[in-house]
Amino acid sequence: MEIFSSVEPAPIFPFIMTNAADKTSVMVDLDSVRSNWRSRGFGCDVWTDRPGQTWENYTHTVDEVVMVLEGDVEFEISGGVLRPSIGEELFIPAGVLHSVRNIGKTTSRWLYGYQSNGSSP
């Protein structure tokens, strides 16, 4: 079984994506996001998932922030299902059960960052 998911270093240029639902372009300034997250104590990396990929029932010992860059991604956080827009940040508190699903027909890319307080996620 091939798993097509990977961690990529976050690019240092603006990320311009087209929202598939309404064909509008959304620009995510990765430098600004990275700077903001780091000022709040979070890392910032890009995760890539193939269509249909799911990550079910995870918890971490530190807080996490996520932001969709591309694709149709669903986050289930503490039983609530969210489908954020491109560029919308979600906060996942430490210890909270969560899942991530690429529910679209294309590859998804999303930023994630763990709070760096000396602990491993």
C-alpha atoms as a PDB file:
ATOM      1  CA  MET A   1       0.000   0.000   0.000  1.00  0.00           C
ATOM      2  CA  GLU A   2       1.532   3.280  -1.102  1.00  0.00           C
ATOM      3  CA  ILE A   3       1.130   6.218   1.224  1.00  0.00           C
ATOM      4  CA  PHE A   4       1.402   9.551  -0.567  1.00  0.00           C
ATOM      5  CA  SER A   5       1.802  11.910   2.320  1.00  0.00           C
ATOM      6  CA  SER A   6       4.821  13.922   3.104  1.00  0.00           C
ATOM      7  CA  VAL A   7       6.266  16.759   5.062  1.00  0.00           C
ATOM      8  CA  GLU A   8       7.756  19.559   2.996  1.00  0.00           C
ATOM      9  CA  PRO A   9       9.643  22.572   4.297  1.00  0.00           C
ATOM     10  CA  ALA A  10       7.299  25.534   4.058  1.00  0.00           C
ATOM     11  CA  PRO A  11       8.150  27.574   0.951  1.00  0.00           C
ATOM     12  CA  ILE A  12       9.273  31.153   1.477  1.00  0.00           C
ATOM     13  CA  PHE A  13       7.064  32.760  -1.190  1.00  0.00           C
ATOM     14  CA  PRO A  14       3.348  33.610  -1.360  1.00  0.00           C
ATOM     15  CA  PHE A  15       1.171  30.576  -2.099  1.00  0.00           C
ATOM     16  CA  ILE A  16      -1.658  31.394  -4.541  1.00  0.00           C
ATOM     17  CA  MET A  17      -4.373  28.769  -4.845  1.00  0.00           C
ATOM     18  CA  THR A  18      -7.713  28.584  -6.593  1.00  0.00           C
ATOM     19  CA  ASN A  19     -10.694  27.691  -4.427  1.00  0.00           C
ATOM     20  CA  ALA A  20     -12.336  24.796  -6.292  1.00  0.00           C
ATOM     21  CA  ALA A  21     -15.798  25.609  -4.940  1.00  0.00           C
ATOM     22  CA  ASP A  22     -16.098  29.082  -6.439  1.00  0.00           C
ATOM     23  CA  LYS A  23     -12.971  29.409  -8.637  1.00  0.00           C
ATOM     24  CA  THR A  24     -11.654  32.417  -6.706  1.00  0.00           C
ATOM     25  CA  SER A  25      -7.958  32.837  -6.040  1.00  0.00           C
ATOM     26  CA  VAL A  26      -6.729  32.975  -2.470  1.00  0.00           C
ATOM     27  CA  MET A  27      -3.230  34.104  -1.562  1.00  0.00           C
ATOM     28  CA  VAL A  28      -1.562  32.781   1.559  1.00  0.00           C
ATOM     29  CA  ASP A  29       1.618  34.674   2.412  1.00  0.00           C
ATOM     30  CA  LEU A  30       3.695  31.884   3.895  1.00  0.00           C
ATOM     31  CA  ASP A  31       6.355  34.258   5.208  1.00  0.00           C
ATOM     32  CA  SER A  32       3.698  36.114   7.208  1.00  0.00           C
ATOM     33  CA  VAL A  33       2.069  32.913   8.461  1.00  0.00           C
ATOM     34  CA  ARG A  34       5.424  31.437   9.446  1.00  0.00           C
ATOM     35  CA  SER A  35       6.460  34.653  11.213  1.00  0.00           C
ATOM     36  CA  ASN A  36       3.116  34.862  13.039  1.00  0.00           C
ATOM     37  CA  TRP A  37       3.190  31.232  14.115  1.00  0.00           C
ATOM     38  CA  ARG A  38       6.806  31.425  15.272  1.00  0.00           C
ATOM     39  CA  SER A  39       6.048  34.575  17.282  1.00  0.00           C
ATOM     40  CA  ARG A  40       3.369  32.499  19.048  1.00  0.00           C
ATOM     41  CA  GLY A  41       5.768  29.570  19.652  1.00  0.00           C
ATOM     42  CA  PHE A  42       4.702  27.249  16.791  1.00  0.00           C
ATOM     43  CA  GLY A  43       6.652  25.595  13.999  1.00  0.00           C
ATOM     44  CA  CYS A  44       5.441  25.774  10.396  1.00  0.00           C
ATOM     45  CA  ASP A  45       5.708  22.980   7.813  1.00  0.00           C
ATOM     46  CA  VAL A  46       3.692  21.850   4.787  1.00  0.00           C
ATOM     47  CA  TRP A  47       1.926  18.467   4.753  1.00  0.00           C
ATOM     48  CA  THR A  48       0.787  16.845   1.478  1.00  0.00           C
ATOM     49  CA  ASP A  49      -1.910  14.168   1.195  1.00  0.00           C
ATOM     50  CA  ARG A  50      -3.217  12.206  -1.769  1.00  0.00           C
ATOM     51  CA  PRO A  51      -6.975  12.179  -2.451  1.00  0.00           C
ATOM     52  CA  GLY A  52      -8.796  10.022   0.103  1.00  0.00           C
ATOM     53  CA  GLN A  53      -5.968  10.033   2.677  1.00  0.00           C
ATOM     54  CA  THR A  54      -7.182  10.064   6.275  1.00  0.00           C
ATOM     55  CA  TRP A  55      -5.425  10.426   9.614  1.00  0.00           C
ATOM     56  CA  GLU A  56      -7.789   9.247  12.331  1.00  0.00           C
ATOM     57  CA  ASN A  57      -7.931   9.766  16.079  1.00  0.00           C
ATOM     58  CA  TYR A  58      -4.711  11.548  16.981  1.00  0.00           C
ATOM     59  CA  THR A  59      -3.773  13.456  20.107  1.00  0.00           C
ATOM     60  CA  HIS A  60      -0.603  15.405  20.874  1.00  0.00           C
ATOM     61  CA  THR A  61       0.977  16.606  24.092  1.00  0.00           C
ATOM     62  CA  VAL A  62       1.287  20.144  22.696  1.00  0.00           C
ATOM     63  CA  ASP A  63      -1.066  22.592  20.959  1.00  0.00           C
ATOM     64  CA  GLU A  64      -1.205  22.506  17.145  1.00  0.00           C
ATOM     65  CA  VAL A  65      -2.273  25.012  14.487  1.00  0.00           C
ATOM     66  CA  VAL A  66      -3.239  24.075  10.917  1.00  0.00           C
ATOM     67  CA  MET A  67      -4.109  25.991   7.744  1.00  0.00           C
ATOM     68  CA  VAL A  68      -5.272  24.601   4.389  1.00  0.00           C
ATOM     69  CA  LEU A  69      -3.287  25.767   1.364  1.00  0.00           C
ATOM     70  CA  GLU A  70      -4.836  23.589  -1.323  1.00  0.00           C
ATOM     71  CA  GLY A  71      -7.576  20.993  -1.638  1.00  0.00           C
ATOM     72  CA  ASP A  72     -10.675  19.998   0.271  1.00  0.00           C
ATOM     73  CA  VAL A  73      -9.604  19.052   3.796  1.00  0.00           C
ATOM     74  CA  GLU A  74     -11.873  18.125   6.683  1.00  0.00           C
ATOM     75  CA  PHE A  75     -10.756  18.328  10.310  1.00  0.00           C
ATOM     76  CA  GLU A  76     -12.647  16.595  13.077  1.00  0.00           C
ATOM     77  CA  ILE A  77     -11.687  18.173  16.391  1.00  0.00           C
ATOM     78  CA  SER A  78     -13.214  16.878  19.611  1.00  0.00           C
ATOM     79  CA  GLY A  79     -16.206  15.490  17.694  1.00  0.00           C
ATOM     80  CA  GLY A  80     -16.902  18.647  15.659  1.00  0.00           C
ATOM     81  CA  VAL A  81     -16.326  18.527  11.896  1.00  0.00           C
ATOM     82  CA  LEU A  82     -14.804  21.598  10.245  1.00  0.00           C
ATOM     83  CA  ARG A  83     -14.022  22.301   6.592  1.00  0.00           C
ATOM     84  CA  PRO A  84     -11.874  25.437   6.699  1.00  0.00           C
ATOM     85  CA  SER A  85     -11.396  27.709   3.714  1.00  0.00           C
ATOM     86  CA  ILE A  86      -7.970  28.135   2.195  1.00  0.00           C
ATOM     87  CA  GLY A  87      -5.991  30.404   4.506  1.00  0.00           C
ATOM     88  CA  GLU A  88      -8.236  29.867   7.550  1.00  0.00           C
ATOM     89  CA  GLU A  89      -6.345  28.875  10.703  1.00  0.00           C
ATOM     90  CA  LEU A  90      -7.602  26.195  13.084  1.00  0.00           C
ATOM     91  CA  PHE A  91      -6.312  25.655  16.620  1.00  0.00           C
ATOM     92  CA  ILE A  92      -6.139  22.140  18.085  1.00  0.00           C
ATOM     93  CA  PRO A  93      -5.476  22.154  21.848  1.00  0.00           C
ATOM     94  CA  ALA A  94      -3.067  19.659  23.401  1.00  0.00           C
ATOM     95  CA  GLY A  95      -4.714  16.370  24.343  1.00  0.00           C
ATOM     96  CA  VAL A  96      -7.754  16.840  22.089  1.00  0.00           C
ATOM     97  CA  LEU A  97      -8.710  13.930  19.831  1.00  0.00           C
ATOM     98  CA  HIS A  98      -8.629  14.961  16.177  1.00  0.00           C
ATOM     99  CA  SER A  99      -8.660  13.541  12.651  1.00  0.00           C
ATOM    100  CA  VAL A 100      -7.739  14.954   9.243  1.00  0.00           C
ATOM    101  CA  ARG A 101      -9.248  13.824   5.936  1.00  0.00           C
ATOM    102  CA  ASN A 102      -8.559  14.802   2.349  1.00  0.00           C
ATOM    103  CA  ILE A 103     -12.137  14.524   1.108  1.00  0.00           C
ATOM    104  CA  GLY A 104     -11.382  16.049  -2.288  1.00  0.00           C
ATOM    105  CA  LYS A 105     -10.437  14.520  -5.621  1.00  0.00           C
ATOM    106  CA  THR A 106      -7.056  16.262  -5.751  1.00  0.00           C
ATOM    107  CA  THR A 107      -3.897  16.407  -3.682  1.00  0.00           C
ATOM    108  CA  SER A 108      -4.216  18.554  -0.570  1.00  0.00           C
ATOM    109  CA  ARG A 109      -1.538  20.673   1.057  1.00  0.00           C
ATOM    110  CA  TRP A 110      -1.836  22.216   4.477  1.00  0.00           C
ATOM    111  CA  LEU A 111       0.368  23.927   6.993  1.00  0.00           C
ATOM    112  CA  TYR A 112       0.784  22.520  10.461  1.00  0.00           C
ATOM    113  CA  GLY A 113       2.772  23.632  13.451  1.00  0.00           C
ATOM    114  CA  TYR A 114       3.270  22.238  16.924  1.00  0.00           C
ATOM    115  CA  GLN A 115       3.882  24.501  19.880  1.00  0.00           C
ATOM    116  CA  SER A 116       7.548  24.258  20.760  1.00  0.00           C
ATOM    117  CA  ASN A 117       7.724  24.082  24.509  1.00  0.00           C
ATOM    118  CA  GLY A 118      10.442  21.452  24.677  1.00  0.00           C
ATOM    119  CA  SER A 119       7.980  18.530  24.383  1.00  0.00           C
ATOM    120  CA  SER A 120       7.508  16.171  21.483  1.00  0.00           C
ATOM    121  CA  PRO A 121       4.044  16.034  19.889  1.00  0.00           C
END
